[in-house]
Protein backbone atom coordinates (compact mmCIF):
# COMPACT_ATOMS: atom_id res chain seq x y z
CA MET A 1 119.13 23.90 54.83
CA MET A 2 119.40 23.24 58.50
CA GLN A 3 120.12 19.50 57.74
CA ARG A 4 122.80 20.31 55.43
CA LEU A 5 124.29 22.59 58.08
CA ILE A 6 124.04 19.83 60.58
CA HIS A 7 125.83 17.41 58.01
CA ILE A 8 128.64 19.95 57.76
CA LEU A 9 129.11 21.10 61.46
CA TRP A 10 128.52 17.80 63.46
CA PRO A 11 131.17 15.66 61.75
CA SER A 12 133.63 18.41 61.54
CA PHE A 13 133.01 18.92 65.29
CA LEU A 14 133.82 15.41 66.27
CA VAL A 15 136.94 15.24 63.93
CA ALA A 16 138.23 18.39 65.59
CA GLY A 17 137.76 16.87 69.08
CA VAL A 18 139.79 13.79 68.00
CA ALA A 19 142.38 15.74 66.06
CA ASP A 20 142.79 17.97 69.03
CA ILE A 21 143.34 15.26 71.45
CA VAL A 22 145.85 13.44 69.27
CA PHE A 23 147.72 16.65 68.60
CA THR A 24 147.93 17.79 72.17
CA SER A 25 148.91 14.28 73.37
CA LEU A 26 151.93 14.18 70.91
CA PHE A 27 152.87 17.80 71.26
CA ASP A 28 153.27 20.15 74.21
CA PRO A 29 151.80 23.39 73.05
CA LEU A 30 154.54 25.35 75.20
CA GLU A 31 157.27 23.75 73.43
CA ILE A 32 156.19 25.05 69.91
CA MET A 33 158.63 27.97 69.34
CA TYR A 34 158.77 30.68 66.80
CA ARG A 35 161.99 32.52 66.53
CA GLY A 36 163.03 31.16 70.04
CA GLU A 37 159.94 32.30 71.72
CA PRO A 38 156.96 30.13 72.72
CA LEU A 39 154.23 30.52 70.27
CA ILE A 40 151.42 30.39 72.95
CA GLU A 41 152.15 31.08 76.53
CA GLN A 42 149.16 29.19 78.14
CA ARG A 43 148.21 25.50 77.49
CA ILE A 44 144.42 26.09 77.63
CA ALA A 45 144.66 28.78 75.03
CA ALA A 46 146.68 26.41 72.75
CA TYR A 47 144.18 23.69 73.23
CA THR A 48 141.38 26.05 72.40
CA LEU A 49 142.90 27.55 69.50
CA GLY A 50 143.84 24.12 68.16
CA PHE A 51 140.35 22.78 68.48
CA PHE A 52 138.92 25.68 66.59
CA ILE A 53 141.72 25.44 63.82
CA PHE A 54 140.93 21.68 63.49
CA TRP A 55 137.12 22.45 63.50
CA LEU A 56 137.57 24.92 60.55
CA LEU A 57 139.54 22.42 58.65
CA GLY A 58 136.86 19.98 59.12
CA ILE A 59 133.98 22.41 58.14
CA ALA A 60 135.97 23.00 54.89
CA SER A 61 136.28 19.33 54.24
CA SER A 62 132.56 18.67 54.88
CA MET A 63 131.48 21.60 52.83
CA LEU A 64 133.44 20.37 49.91
CA THR A 65 131.96 16.89 50.38
CA CYS A 66 128.39 18.45 50.30
CA TYR A 67 129.36 20.42 47.43
CA PHE A 68 130.77 17.66 45.24
CA GLN A 69 127.81 15.41 46.17
CA ARG A 70 125.45 17.51 44.03
CA GLY A 71 124.30 16.04 40.75
CA ALA A 72 124.63 17.56 37.29
CA ASN A 73 120.85 18.33 37.27
CA GLU A 74 121.06 20.39 40.56
CA ILE A 75 124.23 22.26 39.42
CA ASN A 76 123.01 23.03 35.81
CA ARG A 77 119.45 23.95 36.82
CA CYS A 78 118.34 27.52 35.95
CA PRO A 79 117.03 29.41 39.00
CA LEU A 80 114.69 31.34 37.04
CA PRO A 81 111.29 30.28 35.96
CA ALA A 82 110.85 29.33 32.27
CA THR A 83 108.68 32.70 31.59
CA ARG A 84 111.30 34.94 33.13
CA ARG A 85 114.52 33.53 31.08
CA PRO A 86 116.05 35.84 28.70
CA GLU A 87 115.36 35.81 24.87
CA GLY A 88 117.57 33.30 23.15
CA CYS A 89 117.84 30.99 26.11
CA PRO A 90 117.45 27.34 24.97
CA LYS A 91 115.68 26.45 28.02
CA ARG A 92 112.95 29.19 27.71
CA GLU A 93 109.42 28.04 26.82
CA GLY A 94 108.67 28.10 23.28
CA GLY A 95 112.26 28.23 22.34
CA GLY A 96 112.49 26.67 18.92
CA ASP A 97 116.49 26.54 19.06
CA CYS A 98 116.50 23.93 21.92
CA CYS A 99 118.09 20.74 21.29
């Protein structure tokens, strides 16, 4: 579990850092306007907010990558032991109707 968490958080952190550097080098946060008013009044707040937004996007991307890497056996595996599965389940021990 900890390894999967590291696989999600570490790459997304690195990507957020690079994305924040690129974004803030191209755009001045004080010049981003909403209805004629600056969206954020302090640069450091804009840099911090931007970093965390990019980090959340990176986390979402890494989580989807980890989710889609799972195999069919892992996805379709029944979490219950064979003896606790309900009657009529084709994967229950002694079930005669299993293919």
